[in-house]
Protein backbone atom coordinates (compact mmCIF):
# COMPACT_ATOMS: atom_id res chain seq x y z
CA MET A 1 17.43 -0.22 -14.81
CA GLU A 2 19.00 -1.19 -17.92
CA ARG A 3 16.81 -2.08 -20.88
CA ALA A 4 17.61 -4.13 -24.22
CA LYS A 5 16.43 -2.48 -27.64
CA ARG A 6 13.96 -5.56 -28.41
CA ALA A 7 10.98 -5.09 -27.08
CA ALA A 8 10.03 -8.90 -26.52
CA HIS A 9 10.77 -11.77 -27.51
CA VAL A 10 8.37 -14.60 -28.62
CA LEU A 11 9.11 -18.06 -26.87
CA THR A 12 9.96 -20.89 -29.34
CA ASN A 13 8.31 -24.12 -29.33
CA SER A 14 5.21 -22.90 -28.17
CA SER A 15 2.04 -21.51 -29.89
CA ASP A 16 1.20 -19.22 -26.94
CA GLU A 17 2.34 -15.56 -27.16
CA THR A 18 4.66 -13.83 -24.30
CA HIS A 19 3.39 -10.97 -22.47
CA PRO A 20 4.32 -7.97 -24.86
CA PRO A 21 5.63 -5.33 -23.12
CA PRO A 22 3.52 -1.48 -23.36
CA SER A 23 4.85 0.92 -25.57
CA SER A 24 8.20 2.59 -24.30
CA ASN A 25 6.56 5.62 -24.47
CA THR A 26 3.83 4.88 -22.07
CA PRO A 27 4.95 7.11 -19.07
CA PRO A 28 3.61 6.52 -15.56
CA THR A 29 0.98 9.01 -14.42
CA ASP A 30 0.91 9.48 -11.38
CA ILE A 31 3.35 12.56 -10.28
CA THR A 32 2.82 12.96 -6.52
CA THR A 33 3.91 9.26 -5.58
CA ASN A 34 5.64 8.52 -8.42
CA ALA A 35 9.37 9.84 -8.79
CA THR A 36 9.92 8.69 -12.85
CA ALA A 37 6.52 10.06 -13.19
CA ALA A 38 7.47 13.35 -12.10
CA SER A 39 11.14 14.13 -13.47
CA GLN A 40 9.55 12.65 -16.81
CA SER A 41 6.83 15.64 -16.62
CA LEU A 42 9.92 18.38 -16.36
CA GLY A 43 11.55 17.04 -19.35
CA LYS A 44 14.98 18.65 -20.04
CA ASP A 45 13.86 21.27 -17.64
CA TRP A 46 14.71 19.30 -14.71
CA SER A 47 15.33 20.74 -11.08
CA VAL A 48 15.79 19.75 -7.80
CA GLU A 49 13.48 22.93 -7.04
CA LYS A 50 11.01 22.21 -10.17
CA VAL A 51 10.38 18.66 -8.99
CA LEU A 52 9.68 19.36 -5.08
CA THR A 53 6.68 21.76 -6.95
CA LEU A 54 4.70 18.64 -7.60
CA ILE A 55 5.26 16.86 -4.22
CA PRO A 56 2.04 17.33 -2.53
CA HIS A 57 3.62 18.33 1.18
CA PRO A 58 7.30 19.40 0.12
CA PRO A 59 9.84 19.30 2.99
CA PRO A 60 10.37 23.13 4.61
CA ALA A 61 13.63 24.98 3.74
CA THR A 62 15.31 25.32 6.81
CA PRO A 63 14.35 21.03 8.15
CA THR A 64 14.84 21.07 12.28
CA SER A 65 14.43 17.10 12.32
CA PRO A 66 14.84 14.24 9.97
CA LEU A 67 11.14 13.67 9.31
CA PRO A 68 11.44 15.58 6.32
CA PHE A 69 13.82 13.53 5.22
CA LEU A 70 12.46 10.37 5.39
CA HIS A 71 8.94 11.58 3.88
CA LEU A 72 10.68 12.42 0.99
CA ILE A 73 12.86 8.76 0.52
CA SER A 74 9.38 7.24 1.10
CA ARG A 75 8.69 7.51 -2.65
CA LEU A 76 11.39 5.20 -3.16
CA LYS A 77 8.58 2.51 -1.99
CA THR A 78 6.11 4.09 -4.22
CA THR A 79 8.43 4.12 -7.28
CA PRO A 80 8.50 1.16 -9.68
CA ARG A 81 11.59 0.37 -11.11
CA GLU A 82 10.48 0.69 -14.82
CA GLY A 83 11.72 -2.25 -16.57
CA TRP A 84 9.08 -4.43 -14.92
CA ARG A 85 6.62 -1.79 -15.29
CA ARG A 86 7.12 -1.67 -18.87
CA PHE A 87 6.13 -4.71 -19.11
CA SER A 88 2.79 -4.51 -17.11
CA ILE A 89 4.73 -6.60 -13.83
CA PRO A 90 1.27 -7.27 -11.59
CA SER A 91 2.64 -4.60 -8.15
CA SER A 92 6.27 -4.48 -9.56
CA GLU A 93 9.00 -4.03 -7.19
CA SER A 94 9.78 -0.99 -6.13
CA ILE A 95 13.23 1.14 -5.65
CA ALA A 96 12.91 0.87 -2.32
CA ASP A 97 12.26 -3.05 -2.89
CA HIS A 98 15.29 -3.62 -4.70
CA MET A 99 17.53 -2.05 -2.82
CA TYR A 100 16.44 -3.95 0.62
CA ARG A 101 17.08 -7.24 -1.11
CA MET A 102 20.24 -6.08 -2.35
CA SER A 103 21.16 -5.24 1.57
CA ILE A 104 20.04 -8.63 1.99
CA LEU A 105 21.94 -10.14 -0.69
CA THR A 106 25.79 -8.32 0.85
CA LEU A 107 24.67 -9.57 4.20
CA LEU A 108 24.67 -13.52 2.50
CA CYS A 109 28.35 -12.64 1.19
CA PRO A 110 30.37 -15.64 0.41
CA ASN A 111 33.53 -16.83 1.76
CA PRO A 112 36.11 -16.19 0.75
CA LEU A 113 35.21 -12.93 -1.03
CA ARG A 114 33.50 -12.35 2.39
CA SER A 115 37.32 -11.69 4.12
CA ARG A 116 38.11 -9.28 1.82
CA LEU A 117 35.59 -6.33 1.86
CA ASP A 118 34.19 -4.38 4.67
CA ILE A 119 30.58 -6.18 4.74
CA PRO A 120 28.96 -3.19 6.90
CA ARG A 121 30.25 -1.10 3.74
CA CYS A 122 28.76 -3.34 1.53
CA THR A 123 25.11 -2.50 3.02
CA LEU A 124 25.17 1.14 3.28
CA LEU A 125 26.31 1.32 -0.30
CA ALA A 126 23.31 -1.25 -1.20
CA LEU A 127 20.82 1.05 0.68
CA CYS A 128 22.31 4.51 -0.47
CA HIS A 129 22.99 4.08 -4.33
CA ASP A 130 19.96 4.52 -6.01
CA MET A 131 18.63 7.11 -2.85
CA ALA A 132 19.02 10.10 -5.42
CA GLU A 133 15.40 8.01 -7.36
CA CYS A 134 13.54 9.74 -4.99
CA LEU A 135 14.02 13.02 -7.16
CA VAL A 136 14.99 11.63 -10.21
CA GLY A 137 13.22 8.89 -10.88
CA ASP A 138 14.44 5.00 -12.57
CA ILE A 139 16.20 6.84 -15.45
CA THR A 140 16.85 3.58 -18.47
CA PRO A 141 18.57 4.13 -21.92
CA LEU A 142 15.44 4.47 -23.22
CA ASP A 143 14.69 7.72 -21.80
CA GLN A 144 17.56 8.69 -23.64
CA ILE A 145 19.38 11.13 -20.99
CA PRO A 146 22.93 10.95 -21.63
CA LYS A 147 25.23 10.23 -18.60
CA ALA A 148 26.44 13.24 -17.34
CA GLU A 149 23.44 14.41 -17.31
CA LYS A 150 22.13 11.58 -15.44
CA HIS A 151 24.85 11.97 -12.66
CA ARG A 152 24.08 15.77 -12.68
CA ARG A 153 20.71 15.15 -11.54
CA GLU A 154 21.69 12.95 -8.91
CA ASP A 155 24.23 14.49 -7.76
CA GLU A 156 21.92 16.80 -6.85
CA THR A 157 19.46 15.47 -5.13
CA MET A 158 21.92 14.17 -2.92
CA GLU A 159 23.48 17.00 -1.90
CA TYR A 160 20.00 18.58 -1.20
CA LEU A 161 19.00 15.44 0.57
CA THR A 162 22.38 14.65 2.95
CA ARG A 163 23.38 18.02 3.08
CA LYS A 164 20.03 20.74 3.17
CA LEU A 165 17.42 17.99 4.51
CA LEU A 166 20.02 16.48 6.86
CA GLY A 167 21.70 19.89 8.00
CA LYS A 168 22.93 21.33 11.01
CA GLU A 169 19.70 21.98 12.03
CA THR A 170 18.18 18.34 12.27
CA GLY A 171 21.20 16.94 14.46
CA CYS A 172 21.74 14.32 11.95
CA GLU A 173 24.57 16.17 9.28
CA ASP A 174 27.12 13.38 10.29
CA ALA A 175 24.39 10.57 9.29
CA GLY A 176 23.97 12.95 5.78
CA GLU A 177 27.76 13.53 5.27
CA THR A 178 27.91 9.14 5.53
CA MET A 179 25.27 9.20 3.27
CA ARG A 180 26.65 11.01 0.58
CA ILE A 181 30.37 9.74 1.02
CA ALA A 182 28.69 6.26 0.37
CA TRP A 183 26.80 7.44 -3.27
CA GLU A 184 30.05 8.65 -4.06
CA GLU A 185 31.88 5.18 -3.84
CA TYR A 186 29.44 3.39 -5.13
CA GLU A 187 29.06 6.20 -8.02
CA ARG A 188 32.73 5.76 -8.63
CA ASN A 189 33.16 1.93 -8.20
CA GLU A 190 36.97 2.03 -7.33
CA THR A 191 36.69 -0.32 -4.40
CA VAL A 192 36.65 -3.65 -4.05
CA GLU A 193 33.14 -2.85 -2.01
CA ALA A 194 32.12 -0.92 -4.85
CA ASN A 195 32.48 -3.37 -7.11
CA PHE A 196 30.73 -5.98 -5.35
CA VAL A 197 27.90 -3.78 -4.38
CA HIS A 198 27.84 -3.51 -8.32
CA ASP A 199 27.73 -7.22 -8.92
CA VAL A 200 24.99 -7.52 -6.03
CA ASP A 201 23.01 -4.32 -7.93
CA LYS A 202 23.35 -6.79 -11.13
CA LEU A 203 22.50 -10.11 -9.27
CA GLU A 204 19.39 -8.98 -7.78
CA LEU A 205 17.81 -8.20 -11.38
CA LEU A 206 18.32 -11.19 -12.21
CA ILE A 207 17.01 -13.14 -9.13
CA GLN A 208 13.66 -10.89 -10.02
CA MET A 209 13.79 -11.50 -13.20
CA VAL A 210 13.49 -15.44 -12.94
CA GLU A 211 10.45 -14.83 -10.27
CA TYR A 212 8.63 -12.78 -12.70
CA GLU A 213 8.86 -14.72 -15.49
CA ARG A 214 7.81 -17.87 -12.86
CA GLN A 215 5.33 -15.80 -11.81
CA GLY A 216 3.55 -15.64 -15.50
CA LYS A 217 3.61 -19.24 -15.91
CA GLY A 218 5.08 -19.57 -19.10
CA LYS A 219 3.56 -16.54 -20.45
CA VAL A 220 6.34 -13.57 -19.71
CA ASP A 221 9.54 -13.76 -21.44
CA LEU A 222 12.13 -11.24 -19.69
CA SER A 223 14.85 -12.49 -21.82
CA GLU A 224 16.29 -9.47 -22.68
CA PHE A 225 17.62 -8.69 -19.10
CA VAL A 226 19.89 -11.92 -19.01
CA ARG A 227 22.50 -9.75 -20.86
CA VAL A 228 23.12 -8.56 -17.74
CA ALA A 229 24.82 -11.03 -16.59
CA GLY A 230 27.66 -10.46 -18.19
CA GLY A 231 28.56 -7.66 -16.17
CA ILE A 232 29.08 -9.38 -13.07
CA GLU A 233 32.76 -9.69 -12.50
CA MET A 234 33.53 -11.22 -9.27
CA VAL A 235 34.52 -15.17 -9.12
CA GLU A 236 31.91 -15.59 -6.36
CA MET A 237 29.42 -13.71 -7.56
CA LYS A 238 29.43 -15.43 -10.99
CA GLY A 239 29.17 -18.62 -9.32
CA TRP A 240 25.55 -17.09 -8.02
CA CYS A 241 24.67 -15.89 -11.13
CA GLU A 242 25.02 -19.49 -12.91
CA GLU A 243 23.18 -20.65 -10.20
CA VAL A 244 20.33 -18.08 -10.97
CA LEU A 245 20.33 -18.54 -14.69
CA LYS A 246 20.26 -22.96 -14.00
CA GLU A 247 17.26 -22.31 -12.12
CA ARG A 248 15.49 -19.76 -15.11
CA GLU A 249 16.50 -22.58 -17.96
CA GLU A 250 14.95 -25.49 -15.17
CA PHE A 251 11.58 -23.61 -15.23
CA TRP A 252 11.28 -23.21 -18.94
CA LYS A 253 11.59 -26.83 -19.41
CA GLU A 254 8.85 -27.21 -17.10
CA VAL A 255 6.72 -25.04 -18.97
CA GLY A 256 7.70 -27.16 -22.14
CA LYS A 257 9.30 -23.68 -23.73
CA VAL A 258 12.32 -22.44 -24.85
CA PRO A 259 12.93 -18.82 -24.28
CA PRO A 260 15.78 -16.77 -26.47
CA PRO A 261 18.89 -16.55 -24.64
CA GLY A 262 18.82 -12.96 -24.52
CA GLY A 263 20.68 -9.25 -25.69
CA LYS A 264 24.63 -9.33 -25.53
């Protein structure tokens, strides 16, 4: 998840303080279930093999069923998205939560854009695009990890997940290859389906931002994430984005506050 440099904003037209995020240097702690915590504990020495040593029940060397794969990707359900964790959002969404609603969003693709897309493929891309984070964790700009290094970690993880854990012995090698190709397509972002899912990724974040601000009842200002709207490219998706931001504006008016518009 992207983050702005600013840690928090102060709302105008009110003496109430916003909910300040914790220090960006405060890491998640449970390395057994939180993939981000496990990766951060290894620092520059990250490798798939080293992360696996931190997991209580690592997969066998040569799986004979898809169960080890399924157990490992369960870490997507227990690893919070870092941007929300930094703001101490109670019970904030996991990586799996984010991918699930993204998948639903692809099914709701509006016309006439829908006629230009392979919708089942879009859903597949949404389901696979953050899969590597079950071992890599949710890397953000604040982690100061170069894009090339982030890609290396994710590429090695997808290689392990789809070709090692879903190898020939499991009978799921075709499914594994399908997931691998889908992840690569999303990463390259060269097809119209990948373009759409990248927009969906940003839209889902903005929807979640508004929901958490509402949940905070006017004391949680997540303006720094508004800038994500500027990255949405498709006309149809821009329309949805404008509707989400209008909802946000109306909410802040209801609580008698006017938050900053967000970073650029």
